[in-house]
Amino acid sequence: MTEYKTRTTQLVVHPANDSSTFSEMATRVSIDDEGGGEFLKVEQTNTGAILINPGEWPAIREAIDRMAAECRSEQ
């Protein structure tokens, strides 16, 4: 008999007060593979997607954190 396992390949991040996974504020983070190896895909409805090689993530995360800290708060 074939053994099966369950794998989580997508998470949806959305505002706590909006439970719709199709909200324009929802961001999907998934593992994708088009035959050349796995990569991360960050996608929002109506805005397209960003494809990220897992090896690039630490440098990209650092750059995003740095730029987020530089943003002027409007609050």
N, C-alpha and C. Protein backbone atom coordinates (compact mmCIF):
# COMPACT_ATOMS: atom_id res chain seq x y z
N MET A 1 0.84 -1.18 0.00
CA MET A 1 0.00 0.00 0.00
C MET A 1 0.89 1.25 0.00
N THR A 2 0.51 2.24 -0.76
CA THR A 2 1.25 3.50 -0.85
C THR A 2 1.06 4.33 0.41
N GLU A 3 2.15 4.88 0.91
CA GLU A 3 2.07 5.76 2.08
C GLU A 3 1.89 7.20 1.59
N TYR A 4 1.02 7.96 2.27
CA TYR A 4 0.77 9.36 1.92
C TYR A 4 1.11 10.25 3.08
N LYS A 5 1.46 11.49 2.76
CA LYS A 5 1.67 12.47 3.81
C LYS A 5 1.02 13.78 3.37
N THR A 6 0.69 14.61 4.32
CA THR A 6 0.09 15.90 4.06
C THR A 6 1.16 16.97 4.21
N ARG A 7 1.21 17.89 3.25
CA ARG A 7 2.22 18.95 3.27
C ARG A 7 1.51 20.30 3.10
N THR A 8 1.82 21.24 3.95
CA THR A 8 1.30 22.59 3.82
C THR A 8 2.18 23.33 2.82
N THR A 9 1.57 23.85 1.76
CA THR A 9 2.33 24.55 0.72
C THR A 9 1.86 25.99 0.52
N GLN A 10 0.88 26.44 1.31
CA GLN A 10 0.42 27.82 1.18
C GLN A 10 -0.13 28.34 2.50
N LEU A 11 0.21 29.60 2.79
CA LEU A 11 -0.36 30.32 3.93
C LEU A 11 -0.97 31.60 3.38
N VAL A 12 -2.05 32.05 4.02
CA VAL A 12 -2.69 33.31 3.65
C VAL A 12 -2.61 34.25 4.84
N VAL A 13 -2.06 35.44 4.60
CA VAL A 13 -1.97 36.48 5.62
C VAL A 13 -3.00 37.54 5.26
N HIS A 14 -3.89 37.85 6.22
CA HIS A 14 -4.93 38.84 5.95
C HIS A 14 -5.26 39.59 7.21
N PRO A 15 -5.88 40.77 7.09
CA PRO A 15 -6.26 41.53 8.28
C PRO A 15 -7.17 40.69 9.19
N ALA A 16 -6.97 40.81 10.47
CA ALA A 16 -7.73 40.02 11.44
C ALA A 16 -9.23 40.25 11.34
N ASN A 17 -9.63 41.46 10.94
CA ASN A 17 -11.06 41.76 10.87
C ASN A 17 -11.69 41.41 9.52
N ASP A 18 -10.93 40.78 8.64
CA ASP A 18 -11.42 40.39 7.31
C ASP A 18 -11.03 38.93 7.07
N SER A 19 -11.99 38.04 7.20
CA SER A 19 -11.68 36.62 7.09
C SER A 19 -11.65 36.11 5.66
N SER A 20 -11.91 36.98 4.68
CA SER A 20 -11.94 36.54 3.29
C SER A 20 -10.53 36.30 2.75
N THR A 21 -10.29 35.12 2.24
CA THR A 21 -8.98 34.83 1.65
C THR A 21 -8.86 35.44 0.26
N PHE A 22 -9.94 36.02 -0.25
CA PHE A 22 -9.90 36.67 -1.56
C PHE A 22 -9.89 38.19 -1.44
N SER A 23 -9.72 38.69 -0.23
CA SER A 23 -9.64 40.12 0.00
C SER A 23 -8.43 40.69 -0.73
N GLU A 24 -8.52 41.94 -1.18
CA GLU A 24 -7.37 42.57 -1.84
C GLU A 24 -6.24 42.79 -0.85
N MET A 25 -6.52 42.69 0.44
CA MET A 25 -5.49 42.82 1.47
C MET A 25 -4.85 41.48 1.83
N ALA A 26 -5.36 40.39 1.27
CA ALA A 26 -4.82 39.06 1.57
C ALA A 26 -3.55 38.82 0.75
N THR A 27 -2.54 38.28 1.41
CA THR A 27 -1.28 37.94 0.75
C THR A 27 -1.07 36.44 0.89
N ARG A 28 -0.83 35.78 -0.23
CA ARG A 28 -0.57 34.34 -0.23
C ARG A 28 0.93 34.10 -0.34
N VAL A 29 1.44 33.28 0.55
CA VAL A 29 2.85 32.88 0.52
C VAL A 29 2.84 31.37 0.30
N SER A 30 3.43 30.93 -0.81
CA SER A 30 3.36 29.51 -1.14
C SER A 30 4.69 28.98 -1.64
N ILE A 31 4.78 27.65 -1.62
CA ILE A 31 5.91 26.94 -2.22
C ILE A 31 5.43 26.50 -3.59
N ASP A 32 6.19 26.84 -4.62
CA ASP A 32 5.80 26.51 -5.99
C ASP A 32 6.97 25.78 -6.66
N ASP A 33 6.69 25.10 -7.74
CA ASP A 33 7.73 24.39 -8.49
C ASP A 33 7.26 24.24 -9.92
N GLU A 34 8.03 24.77 -10.83
CA GLU A 34 7.69 24.66 -12.25
C GLU A 34 8.64 23.71 -12.97
N GLY A 35 9.21 22.78 -12.23
CA GLY A 35 10.09 21.78 -12.80
C GLY A 35 11.57 22.05 -12.60
N GLY A 36 11.93 23.23 -12.10
CA GLY A 36 13.34 23.56 -11.90
C GLY A 36 13.73 23.65 -10.44
N GLY A 37 12.91 23.17 -9.56
CA GLY A 37 13.17 23.25 -8.13
C GLY A 37 12.18 24.20 -7.46
N GLU A 38 12.03 24.03 -6.18
CA GLU A 38 11.06 24.81 -5.43
C GLU A 38 11.51 26.26 -5.24
N PHE A 39 10.54 27.16 -5.18
CA PHE A 39 10.79 28.55 -4.87
C PHE A 39 9.58 29.09 -4.12
N LEU A 40 9.75 30.23 -3.47
CA LEU A 40 8.65 30.86 -2.76
C LEU A 40 7.93 31.81 -3.70
N LYS A 41 6.63 31.90 -3.53
CA LYS A 41 5.82 32.80 -4.33
C LYS A 41 5.00 33.65 -3.38
N VAL A 42 5.11 34.96 -3.51
CA VAL A 42 4.34 35.90 -2.70
C VAL A 42 3.39 36.61 -3.65
N GLU A 43 2.10 36.53 -3.35
CA GLU A 43 1.11 36.99 -4.32
C GLU A 43 -0.06 37.67 -3.63
N GLN A 44 -0.53 38.75 -4.25
CA GLN A 44 -1.76 39.40 -3.82
C GLN A 44 -2.71 39.47 -5.00
N THR A 45 -4.00 39.43 -4.71
CA THR A 45 -5.01 39.55 -5.75
C THR A 45 -4.81 40.89 -6.46
N ASN A 46 -4.85 40.91 -7.75
CA ASN A 46 -4.76 42.11 -8.59
C ASN A 46 -3.38 42.75 -8.67
N THR A 47 -2.37 42.25 -7.95
CA THR A 47 -1.07 42.93 -8.00
C THR A 47 0.05 42.06 -8.53
N GLY A 48 -0.21 40.81 -8.84
CA GLY A 48 0.83 39.95 -9.37
C GLY A 48 1.55 39.17 -8.29
N ALA A 49 2.74 38.66 -8.64
CA ALA A 49 3.46 37.79 -7.73
C ALA A 49 4.95 38.12 -7.76
N ILE A 50 5.61 37.77 -6.66
CA ILE A 50 7.06 37.86 -6.54
C ILE A 50 7.54 36.43 -6.32
N LEU A 51 8.52 35.98 -7.09
CA LEU A 51 9.07 34.63 -6.95
C LEU A 51 10.43 34.75 -6.28
N ILE A 52 10.66 33.96 -5.22
CA ILE A 52 11.87 34.08 -4.41
C ILE A 52 12.53 32.72 -4.25
N ASN A 53 13.81 32.63 -4.60
CA ASN A 53 14.60 31.45 -4.33
C ASN A 53 14.86 31.39 -2.82
N PRO A 54 14.65 30.25 -2.14
CA PRO A 54 14.86 30.20 -0.70
C PRO A 54 16.24 30.68 -0.26
N GLY A 55 17.26 30.48 -1.07
CA GLY A 55 18.60 30.94 -0.71
C GLY A 55 18.72 32.45 -0.70
N GLU A 56 17.86 33.13 -1.45
CA GLU A 56 17.86 34.60 -1.49
C GLU A 56 17.12 35.21 -0.31
N TRP A 57 16.27 34.43 0.33
CA TRP A 57 15.36 34.99 1.33
C TRP A 57 16.05 35.75 2.45
N PRO A 58 17.13 35.26 3.07
CA PRO A 58 17.73 36.03 4.16
C PRO A 58 18.15 37.44 3.74
N ALA A 59 18.73 37.60 2.56
CA ALA A 59 19.15 38.92 2.10
C ALA A 59 17.94 39.79 1.76
N ILE A 60 16.92 39.19 1.14
CA ILE A 60 15.71 39.94 0.80
C ILE A 60 15.00 40.38 2.08
N ARG A 61 14.89 39.47 3.04
CA ARG A 61 14.24 39.79 4.32
C ARG A 61 14.96 40.93 5.01
N GLU A 62 16.30 40.89 5.00
CA GLU A 62 17.09 41.95 5.62
C GLU A 62 16.82 43.29 4.92
N ALA A 63 16.77 43.28 3.59
CA ALA A 63 16.51 44.51 2.85
C ALA A 63 15.10 45.04 3.14
N ILE A 64 14.12 44.16 3.21
CA ILE A 64 12.75 44.57 3.50
C ILE A 64 12.66 45.14 4.91
N ASP A 65 13.26 44.46 5.88
CA ASP A 65 13.25 44.96 7.26
C ASP A 65 13.92 46.33 7.36
N ARG A 66 15.02 46.50 6.63
CA ARG A 66 15.75 47.78 6.65
C ARG A 66 14.89 48.90 6.06
N MET A 67 14.26 48.63 4.93
CA MET A 67 13.44 49.66 4.29
C MET A 67 12.17 49.94 5.11
N ALA A 68 11.61 48.93 5.73
CA ALA A 68 10.43 49.13 6.57
C ALA A 68 10.77 50.04 7.74
N ALA A 69 11.95 49.87 8.31
CA ALA A 69 12.40 50.73 9.42
C ALA A 69 12.62 52.17 8.96
N GLU A 70 12.92 52.36 7.69
CA GLU A 70 13.15 53.70 7.14
C GLU A 70 11.85 54.42 6.75
N CYS A 71 10.76 53.67 6.65
CA CYS A 71 9.48 54.28 6.27
C CYS A 71 9.02 55.27 7.32
N ARG A 72 8.50 56.39 6.87
CA ARG A 72 7.94 57.38 7.77
C ARG A 72 6.54 56.91 8.18
N SER A 73 6.29 56.93 9.46
CA SER A 73 4.99 56.51 9.96
C SER A 73 3.96 57.62 9.73
N GLU A 74 2.78 57.24 9.25
CA GLU A 74 1.70 58.21 9.05
C GLU A 74 0.76 58.22 10.23
N GLN A 75 1.07 57.46 11.25
CA GLN A 75 0.18 57.38 12.41
C GLN A 75 0.60 58.31 13.50
